[in-house]
Amino acid sequence: MLWIQAIIILACIMLGARKNGVAMGFAGGVGLFLLVFVFGLKPASPPVNVLLIIIAVSSMAATLQVAGGLDFLVHIAEKVLRSRPQRITFMAPIVTFLFTVFTGTSYVALAVYPVICEVALEAKIRVERPMSIAMVASQHGISASPVSASTAALLAVLAAQGVSLGQIMAVLVPAIFLGIMIGALSVYKKGLDLEKDPEFLKLIESGEVTFNKGEQKNYKPSREAIVSVVLFAIGVLAIVLLGSVKTLMPSWLVNGKTTYLSIPNAIEIIAFLTSFIMVIACNVQPSKIARSSVFSAGMTGVIAIFGIAWMTDTFFLAHKAFIIESLGGVVQEFPILFAVMIFVMSALLLSQGATTRSIMPLGVSLGLPLGSLVAFAPAVNGLFFFPATGSAISAITFDRSGTTKIGRYVLNHSFQLPGFVTCISSILIGLVISYFVF
């Protein structure tokens, strides 16, 4: 029965991933129905804390978007990229990484892709080089962001084990940043230079692409946009500070024992507080927040994690003893196999948050070192493996030079090399850093 149930779960995951979006959560509901009503398994508790954190931080990021803060950030990105055009292969991933870390969503990177293309063309640099690593960097920035769904899921799992948000950030931020720089090196000379690429030269001859100097948009940030970015930054800083220093949390004496406010609850409170202050200070219309693309993406993630994580939790809860007995020895002897498992699951789920919430509890149950589990977090960014995500397709579409592309065999696409190099480098560097943090 265990193997039949496992096949059902895998089938639901694959079908949900094929439809993408909220269909992933719905597919999890199908699997949960079969496990509970057909096989008689006791359902696990829904991942409430994770869902509430994602709702709260998505609301905060959506408010920033409606206030004009994301447009202001994109304007800053354009100025930074144009200031060092010859270093675009390194500057582009730094920009997309930092913006994702700050906002908790890779959505902002989509607005930067056209700028990356234009700056690279102006500098006569093969667009595939900065574009591919910039897309990979935006995805990995999710794991290094204190306000992303993936970090919320990781924190919800590890906080019960005494791991703080500060410890997670101390490992992942430097590890992933260095991994991205190594990834940029891997594509620094990738492919033919533009002036030697026959396919690109055909586009030049036909007039479809030119090397003409681009002009920056005449953009002037509003007061509300600037204020929203400042308030958002203060909110993120407060979340990191409270999540890192336990003594700053409110506490109560319960049955003679001091109890502190939980980190998930603190994040939810700060996120809603920051959102409301932005609404008042920046004259934001609440109805627009609910209709924004960032809010929509966040709620899509909530539904996906709700269904998939609840289904997998139910399966693991029912067969926990058998799984630990079967995999425990092998995984403890070769922990890196667990990172491979995470990567494969993320490539199938196409969601860092859902992957983290579904797989990381198994790592805790298998007795893997907490530091290693944190270091393995970049493995949830295997979304690049199949070029079917919105980020990958957008990066390809915005590259009007045609150098960022999907190969004849689908999997031999532009993101494969920088994706693997960045992921593996981040994990290895994270393992080293975790030795000193944990």
Protein backbone atom coordinates (compact mmCIF):
# COMPACT_ATOMS: atom_id res chain seq x y z
CA MET A 1 0.00 0.00 0.00
CA LEU A 2 2.87 2.37 0.79
CA TRP A 3 4.19 2.20 -2.78
CA ILE A 4 0.74 2.65 -4.30
CA GLN A 5 0.22 5.72 -2.12
CA ALA A 6 3.66 7.05 -3.08
CA ILE A 7 2.83 6.65 -6.78
CA ILE A 8 -0.47 8.49 -6.25
CA ILE A 9 1.35 11.37 -4.54
CA LEU A 10 3.95 11.58 -7.30
CA ALA A 11 1.23 11.51 -9.96
CA CYS A 12 -0.67 14.32 -8.22
CA ILE A 13 2.50 16.39 -7.97
CA MET A 14 3.34 15.92 -11.64
CA LEU A 15 -0.20 16.63 -12.83
CA GLY A 16 -0.45 19.70 -10.61
CA ALA A 17 2.95 20.99 -11.78
CA ARG A 18 1.89 20.50 -15.39
CA LYS A 19 -1.12 22.76 -14.89
CA ASN A 20 0.85 25.03 -12.51
CA GLY A 21 -0.55 27.78 -10.28
CA VAL A 22 -3.43 27.00 -7.94
CA ALA A 23 -3.92 23.68 -9.75
CA MET A 24 -0.94 22.39 -7.75
CA GLY A 25 -2.86 22.89 -4.53
CA PHE A 26 -5.99 21.37 -6.02
CA ALA A 27 -3.99 18.31 -7.13
CA GLY A 28 -2.75 17.98 -3.55
CA GLY A 29 -6.38 17.93 -2.46
CA VAL A 30 -7.04 15.05 -4.85
CA GLY A 31 -4.16 13.09 -3.37
CA LEU A 32 -5.31 13.92 0.15
CA PHE A 33 -8.83 12.69 -0.66
CA LEU A 34 -7.49 9.35 -1.88
CA LEU A 35 -5.15 8.94 1.11
CA VAL A 36 -7.88 9.73 3.67
CA PHE A 37 -11.11 8.43 2.14
CA VAL A 38 -9.77 5.47 0.16
CA PHE A 39 -6.73 4.31 2.14
CA GLY A 40 -7.98 5.46 5.52
CA LEU A 41 -4.92 7.47 6.57
CA LYS A 42 -5.33 10.03 9.34
CA PRO A 43 -4.81 13.52 7.89
CA ALA A 44 -1.94 15.57 9.30
CA SER A 45 -2.49 19.08 10.59
CA PRO A 46 -2.59 21.71 7.81
CA PRO A 47 0.58 23.88 7.66
CA VAL A 48 -1.23 26.87 9.17
CA ASN A 49 1.79 28.86 10.39
CA VAL A 50 3.48 28.74 6.99
CA LEU A 51 0.32 29.84 5.20
CA LEU A 52 -0.29 32.74 7.58
CA ILE A 53 3.28 34.01 7.22
CA ILE A 54 3.05 33.90 3.43
CA ILE A 55 -0.27 35.75 3.47
CA ALA A 56 1.19 38.44 5.73
CA VAL A 57 4.46 39.03 3.86
CA SER A 58 2.75 38.82 0.44
CA SER A 59 0.34 41.51 1.59
CA MET A 60 3.28 43.68 2.65
CA ALA A 61 5.05 43.23 -0.71
CA ALA A 62 1.81 43.85 -2.62
CA THR A 63 1.27 47.09 -0.72
CA LEU A 64 4.80 48.14 -1.68
CA GLN A 65 3.97 47.44 -5.32
CA VAL A 66 0.74 49.44 -5.33
CA ALA A 67 2.48 52.36 -3.60
CA GLY A 68 4.98 52.48 -6.47
CA GLY A 69 7.87 51.06 -4.49
CA LEU A 70 8.67 48.27 -6.95
CA ASP A 71 8.81 50.74 -9.86
CA PHE A 72 11.22 52.83 -7.82
CA LEU A 73 13.40 49.78 -7.20
CA VAL A 74 13.44 48.93 -10.91
CA HIS A 75 14.50 52.51 -11.66
CA ILE A 76 17.40 52.14 -9.21
CA ALA A 77 18.33 48.83 -10.87
CA GLU A 78 18.46 50.46 -14.30
CA LYS A 79 20.77 53.21 -13.06
CA VAL A 80 23.07 50.65 -11.40
CA LEU A 81 23.25 48.43 -14.49
CA ARG A 82 23.88 51.32 -16.87
CA SER A 83 26.67 52.65 -14.65
CA ARG A 84 28.82 49.55 -15.31
CA PRO A 85 27.73 48.13 -18.68
CA GLN A 86 30.91 46.11 -19.28
CA ARG A 87 30.34 44.28 -15.97
CA ILE A 88 26.73 43.42 -16.72
CA THR A 89 27.35 39.65 -16.33
CA PHE A 90 28.17 40.22 -12.65
CA MET A 91 26.04 43.28 -11.94
CA ALA A 92 22.78 41.83 -13.33
CA PRO A 93 22.65 38.81 -10.97
CA ILE A 94 23.64 40.99 -8.00
CA VAL A 95 20.72 43.32 -8.74
CA THR A 96 18.12 40.56 -9.20
CA PHE A 97 19.43 38.71 -6.14
CA LEU A 98 19.29 41.76 -3.86
CA PHE A 99 15.85 42.82 -5.07
CA THR A 100 14.47 39.33 -4.47
CA VAL A 101 16.06 39.18 -1.02
CA PHE A 102 14.54 42.55 -0.16
CA THR A 103 11.02 41.93 -1.46
CA GLY A 104 10.70 38.16 -0.93
CA THR A 105 9.48 37.68 -4.50
CA SER A 106 11.30 37.18 -7.80
CA TYR A 107 8.52 39.15 -9.52
CA VAL A 108 10.64 42.32 -9.54
CA ALA A 109 13.27 40.56 -11.66
CA LEU A 110 10.80 40.33 -14.56
CA ALA A 111 10.81 44.11 -14.82
CA VAL A 112 14.63 44.16 -14.88
CA TYR A 113 15.08 41.66 -17.75
CA PRO A 114 14.43 44.22 -20.54
CA VAL A 115 17.01 46.52 -18.97
CA ILE A 116 19.57 43.70 -18.81
CA CYS A 117 19.02 42.98 -22.50
CA GLU A 118 19.39 46.59 -23.58
CA VAL A 119 22.50 47.27 -21.47
CA ALA A 120 24.16 44.06 -22.70
CA LEU A 121 23.43 44.97 -26.34
CA GLU A 122 24.78 48.48 -25.83
CA ALA A 123 27.98 46.97 -24.40
CA LYS A 124 28.02 44.39 -27.25
CA ILE A 125 27.99 41.53 -24.74
CA ARG A 126 26.20 38.26 -25.47
CA VAL A 127 22.85 38.76 -23.72
CA GLU A 128 22.61 35.08 -22.71
CA ARG A 129 25.47 35.54 -20.25
CA PRO A 130 23.93 38.14 -17.88
CA MET A 131 20.32 37.09 -18.60
CA SER A 132 20.76 33.41 -17.68
CA ILE A 133 22.58 34.02 -14.40
CA ALA A 134 20.25 36.92 -13.52
CA MET A 135 17.24 34.59 -13.76
CA VAL A 136 18.99 31.93 -11.66
CA ALA A 137 20.03 34.58 -9.12
CA SER A 138 16.46 35.83 -8.75
CA GLN A 139 15.28 32.30 -7.93
CA HIS A 140 18.09 31.67 -5.43
CA GLY A 141 17.36 35.02 -3.80
CA ILE A 142 14.12 33.45 -2.54
CA SER A 143 16.13 31.16 -0.23
CA ALA A 144 18.13 34.11 1.12
CA SER A 145 15.15 36.39 1.73
CA PRO A 146 13.82 36.78 5.29
CA VAL A 147 10.33 37.50 3.92
CA SER A 148 9.94 34.79 1.27
CA ALA A 149 7.55 31.83 1.35
CA SER A 150 10.48 29.42 1.26
CA THR A 151 12.16 30.98 4.30
CA ALA A 152 8.82 31.08 6.11
CA ALA A 153 8.43 27.35 5.52
CA LEU A 154 12.01 26.60 6.58
CA LEU A 155 11.67 28.71 9.71
CA ALA A 156 8.36 27.09 10.64
CA VAL A 157 10.03 23.67 10.48
CA LEU A 158 13.31 24.54 12.23
CA ALA A 159 12.13 27.07 14.82
CA ALA A 160 10.77 24.20 16.91
CA GLN A 161 14.32 22.84 16.93
CA GLY A 162 15.71 26.11 18.33
CA VAL A 163 16.96 27.56 15.02
CA SER A 164 16.58 31.34 14.67
CA LEU A 165 15.98 33.43 11.58
CA GLY A 166 19.35 35.08 12.20
CA GLN A 167 21.15 31.74 11.98
CA ILE A 168 19.38 30.88 8.72
CA MET A 169 20.26 34.24 7.18
CA ALA A 170 23.87 34.06 8.46
CA VAL A 171 24.35 30.87 6.46
CA LEU A 172 22.25 31.41 3.36
CA VAL A 173 22.86 35.07 2.44
CA PRO A 174 26.66 34.83 2.05
CA ALA A 175 26.58 31.26 0.73
CA ILE A 176 24.07 32.00 -2.01
CA PHE A 177 25.66 35.34 -2.93
CA LEU A 178 29.05 33.68 -3.39
CA GLY A 179 27.39 30.82 -5.26
CA ILE A 180 25.82 33.32 -7.65
CA MET A 181 29.19 34.98 -8.29
CA ILE A 182 30.67 31.57 -9.11
CA GLY A 183 27.67 30.98 -11.37
CA ALA A 184 28.40 34.29 -13.14
CA LEU A 185 31.99 33.19 -13.70
CA SER A 186 30.74 29.98 -15.32
CA VAL A 187 28.92 31.95 -18.05
CA TYR A 188 31.34 34.89 -18.34
CA LYS A 189 32.67 33.58 -21.67
CA LYS A 190 29.79 31.26 -22.57
CA GLY A 191 28.88 31.08 -26.26
CA LEU A 192 30.16 33.13 -29.15
CA ASP A 193 30.63 36.86 -28.80
CA LEU A 194 27.75 38.76 -30.41
CA GLU A 195 29.85 40.01 -33.31
CA LYS A 196 30.86 36.40 -34.14
CA ASP A 197 27.45 34.76 -33.67
CA PRO A 198 26.02 33.96 -37.14
CA GLU A 199 22.41 33.80 -35.89
CA PHE A 200 22.72 37.21 -34.24
CA LEU A 201 24.44 38.70 -37.30
CA LYS A 202 21.44 37.63 -39.40
CA LEU A 203 19.18 39.61 -37.05
CA ILE A 204 21.45 42.64 -37.45
CA GLU A 205 21.40 42.37 -41.24
CA SER A 206 17.61 42.08 -41.29
CA GLY A 207 17.30 45.15 -39.06
CA GLU A 208 15.45 43.26 -36.29
CA VAL A 209 18.17 44.14 -33.76
CA THR A 210 20.37 47.23 -33.57
CA PHE A 211 23.29 48.32 -31.42
CA ASN A 212 21.84 51.80 -30.98
CA LYS A 213 22.42 53.49 -27.67
CA GLY A 214 19.36 53.14 -25.48
CA GLU A 215 17.82 55.96 -23.51
CA GLN A 216 16.75 55.82 -19.90
CA LYS A 217 13.12 56.49 -19.20
CA ASN A 218 12.30 59.88 -17.79
CA TYR A 219 11.11 58.49 -14.47
CA LYS A 220 10.65 60.55 -11.33
CA PRO A 221 9.73 58.57 -8.21
CA SER A 222 6.79 59.90 -6.25
CA ARG A 223 6.99 60.70 -2.56
CA GLU A 224 4.75 57.73 -1.86
CA ALA A 225 7.08 55.35 -3.73
CA ILE A 226 10.13 56.49 -1.76
CA VAL A 227 8.28 56.39 1.57
CA SER A 228 6.94 52.89 0.85
CA VAL A 229 10.43 51.55 0.17
CA VAL A 230 11.73 53.09 3.41
CA LEU A 231 8.83 51.68 5.44
CA PHE A 232 9.19 48.27 3.80
CA ALA A 233 12.91 48.24 4.61
CA ILE A 234 12.18 49.09 8.24
CA GLY A 235 9.63 46.26 8.38
CA VAL A 236 12.08 43.73 6.93
CA LEU A 237 14.79 44.89 9.35
CA ALA A 238 12.38 44.53 12.28
CA ILE A 239 11.47 40.99 11.20
CA VAL A 240 15.14 39.96 10.94
CA LEU A 241 15.98 41.59 14.28
CA LEU A 242 13.09 40.01 16.19
CA GLY A 243 13.71 36.66 14.53
CA SER A 244 17.37 36.75 15.51
CA VAL A 245 17.31 38.10 19.06
CA LYS A 246 14.88 36.16 21.23
CA THR A 247 15.14 38.55 24.17
CA LEU A 248 13.53 41.34 22.09
CA MET A 249 10.32 39.32 21.87
CA PRO A 250 7.42 40.02 24.27
CA SER A 251 7.29 37.39 27.00
CA TRP A 252 4.81 36.09 29.56
CA LEU A 253 5.03 33.98 32.68
CA VAL A 254 2.94 30.84 32.14
CA ASN A 255 2.84 28.25 34.93
CA GLY A 256 6.07 29.61 36.33
CA LYS A 257 7.86 29.38 32.96
CA THR A 258 8.79 32.30 30.69
CA THR A 259 7.14 32.01 27.26
CA TYR A 260 8.16 34.20 24.34
CA LEU A 261 6.13 35.31 21.34
CA SER A 262 6.76 32.82 18.52
CA ILE A 263 8.80 33.94 15.50
CA PRO A 264 5.98 33.16 13.02
CA ASN A 265 3.54 35.28 15.02
CA ALA A 266 6.07 38.12 15.25
CA ILE A 267 6.55 38.08 11.47
CA GLU A 268 2.80 38.16 10.88
CA ILE A 269 2.30 41.07 13.29
CA ILE A 270 5.15 43.17 11.86
CA ALA A 271 4.08 42.49 8.27
CA PHE A 272 0.49 43.61 8.87
CA LEU A 273 1.65 46.63 10.90
CA THR A 274 4.01 47.70 8.12
CA SER A 275 1.34 47.17 5.47
CA PHE A 276 -1.18 49.36 7.30
CA ILE A 277 1.35 52.14 7.87
CA MET A 278 2.13 52.09 4.12
CA VAL A 279 -1.59 52.26 3.31
CA ILE A 280 -1.99 55.38 5.48
CA ALA A 281 1.32 57.10 4.71
CA CYS A 282 1.25 56.42 0.96
CA ASN A 283 -2.49 56.84 0.28
CA VAL A 284 -2.78 53.29 -1.04
CA GLN A 285 -6.21 52.03 -2.10
CA PRO A 286 -6.73 48.65 -0.36
CA SER A 287 -8.78 47.30 -3.29
CA LYS A 288 -5.75 47.64 -5.57
CA ILE A 289 -3.62 45.56 -3.20
CA ALA A 290 -5.88 42.54 -3.61
CA ARG A 291 -5.74 42.91 -7.40
CA SER A 292 -1.97 43.35 -7.67
CA SER A 293 0.23 40.75 -9.38
CA VAL A 294 2.39 40.28 -6.27
CA PHE A 295 -0.64 39.56 -4.08
CA SER A 296 -1.99 37.17 -6.70
CA ALA A 297 1.34 35.32 -6.85
CA GLY A 298 1.45 35.10 -3.06
CA MET A 299 -2.06 33.68 -2.78
CA THR A 300 -1.27 31.20 -5.54
CA GLY A 301 1.66 30.04 -3.44
CA VAL A 302 -0.59 29.71 -0.39
CA ILE A 303 -2.99 27.39 -2.21
CA ALA A 304 -0.15 25.35 -3.74
CA ILE A 305 1.57 24.86 -0.39
CA PHE A 306 -1.73 24.18 1.37
CA GLY A 307 -2.64 21.25 -0.88
CA ILE A 308 0.79 19.75 -1.62
CA ALA A 309 2.24 20.08 1.90
CA TRP A 310 -0.91 18.75 3.57
CA MET A 311 -0.88 15.74 1.24
CA THR A 312 2.80 14.91 1.76
CA ASP A 313 2.58 15.52 5.53
CA THR A 314 -0.27 13.01 5.73
CA PHE A 315 1.77 10.42 3.84
CA PHE A 316 4.93 10.93 5.90
CA LEU A 317 3.00 10.91 9.17
CA ALA A 318 1.44 7.54 8.35
CA HIS A 319 4.72 5.92 7.27
CA LYS A 320 7.21 7.90 9.36
CA ALA A 321 8.69 4.90 11.16
CA PHE A 322 9.20 2.90 7.97
CA ILE A 323 10.72 5.84 6.08
CA ILE A 324 13.16 6.61 8.88
CA GLU A 325 14.15 2.97 9.18
CA SER A 326 14.61 2.62 5.40
CA LEU A 327 16.32 5.92 4.60
CA GLY A 328 17.80 6.97 7.92
CA GLY A 329 21.07 5.04 7.68
CA VAL A 330 21.78 5.90 4.05
CA VAL A 331 20.94 9.60 4.38
CA GLN A 332 22.87 9.99 7.62
CA GLU A 333 25.92 8.36 6.00
CA PHE A 334 25.53 10.38 2.77
CA PRO A 335 23.59 13.55 3.76
CA ILE A 336 24.13 15.09 0.33
CA LEU A 337 21.56 12.59 -1.02
CA PHE A 338 18.93 14.52 0.90
CA ALA A 339 19.92 17.67 -1.01
CA VAL A 340 19.48 15.72 -4.26
CA MET A 341 16.01 14.66 -3.08
CA ILE A 342 15.12 18.30 -2.40
CA PHE A 343 16.38 19.37 -5.83
CA VAL A 344 14.36 16.70 -7.67
CA MET A 345 11.21 17.59 -5.73
CA SER A 346 11.63 21.31 -6.48
CA ALA A 347 12.08 20.58 -10.20
CA LEU A 348 8.76 18.70 -10.11
CA LEU A 349 6.82 21.10 -7.86
CA LEU A 350 8.17 24.33 -9.41
CA SER A 351 7.75 25.98 -6.00
CA GLN A 352 10.45 26.69 -3.43
CA GLY A 353 7.93 27.17 -0.63
CA ALA A 354 5.98 23.97 -1.32
CA THR A 355 9.20 21.97 -1.64
CA THR A 356 10.59 23.31 1.61
CA ARG A 357 7.43 22.62 3.57
CA SER A 358 7.02 19.15 2.07
CA ILE A 359 10.58 17.81 2.41
CA MET A 360 12.37 19.62 5.26
CA PRO A 361 10.29 17.97 8.04
CA LEU A 362 11.54 14.62 6.73
CA GLY A 363 15.12 15.82 7.15
CA VAL A 364 14.42 16.67 10.79
CA SER A 365 12.83 13.25 11.34
CA LEU A 366 15.86 11.53 9.77
CA GLY A 367 18.09 13.22 12.33
CA LEU A 368 20.18 15.28 9.91
CA PRO A 369 22.23 18.09 11.50
CA LEU A 370 20.28 21.34 11.61
CA GLY A 371 23.18 23.23 10.06
CA SER A 372 23.21 20.85 7.11
CA LEU A 373 19.46 21.26 6.59
CA VAL A 374 19.90 25.03 6.39
CA ALA A 375 22.85 24.64 4.01
CA PHE A 376 20.76 22.36 1.79
CA ALA A 377 18.08 25.07 1.38
CA PRO A 378 19.44 26.32 -2.00
CA ALA A 379 18.53 22.90 -3.42
CA VAL A 380 14.88 24.03 -3.49
CA ASN A 381 15.81 26.25 -6.45
CA GLY A 382 15.81 23.43 -8.98
CA LEU A 383 13.04 25.24 -10.86
CA PHE A 384 15.49 26.09 -13.63
CA PHE A 385 15.92 22.42 -14.62
CA PHE A 386 12.77 22.38 -16.75
CA PRO A 387 12.48 25.71 -18.64
CA ALA A 388 8.76 25.92 -17.96
CA THR A 389 8.58 28.62 -15.29
CA GLY A 390 7.37 32.14 -15.94
CA SER A 391 10.80 33.53 -15.04
CA ALA A 392 12.64 31.38 -17.57
CA ILE A 393 10.16 32.02 -20.35
CA SER A 394 10.18 35.78 -19.62
CA ALA A 395 13.99 35.88 -19.70
CA ILE A 396 13.97 34.14 -23.08
CA THR A 397 11.23 36.42 -24.42
CA PHE A 398 12.89 39.66 -23.31
CA ASP A 399 16.21 38.72 -24.93
CA ARG A 400 15.58 40.17 -28.37
CA SER A 401 19.05 39.04 -29.51
CA GLY A 402 17.84 35.43 -29.40
CA THR A 403 20.90 34.16 -27.53
CA THR A 404 18.98 33.11 -24.39
CA LYS A 405 17.07 30.06 -25.56
CA ILE A 406 15.82 26.53 -25.12
CA GLY A 407 17.91 23.98 -27.03
CA ARG A 408 16.77 21.34 -29.48
CA TYR A 409 16.54 18.76 -26.69
CA VAL A 410 14.64 21.10 -24.32
CA LEU A 411 16.87 20.41 -21.32
CA ASN A 412 19.98 21.87 -23.00
CA HIS A 413 18.85 25.44 -22.34
CA SER A 414 20.66 28.60 -21.29
CA PHE A 415 19.92 28.27 -17.56
CA GLN A 416 21.27 24.76 -16.99
CA LEU A 417 24.97 25.60 -16.53
CA PRO A 418 24.60 28.67 -14.25
CA GLY A 419 21.76 26.95 -12.40
CA PHE A 420 23.74 23.87 -11.43
CA VAL A 421 26.95 25.79 -10.71
CA THR A 422 25.12 28.29 -8.48
CA CYS A 423 23.09 25.63 -6.65
CA ILE A 424 26.00 23.28 -5.96
CA SER A 425 28.37 26.12 -5.00
CA SER A 426 25.81 27.63 -2.61
CA ILE A 427 25.25 24.30 -0.86
CA LEU A 428 28.97 23.55 -0.46
CA ILE A 429 29.76 27.06 0.81
CA GLY A 430 26.70 26.88 3.09
CA LEU A 431 27.98 23.63 4.64
CA VAL A 432 31.25 25.35 5.48
CA ILE A 433 29.58 28.44 6.96
CA SER A 434 27.06 26.34 8.93
CA TYR A 435 29.96 24.66 10.71
CA PHE A 436 30.74 28.00 12.39
CA VAL A 437 27.13 29.17 12.88
CA PHE A 438 25.69 26.00 14.42
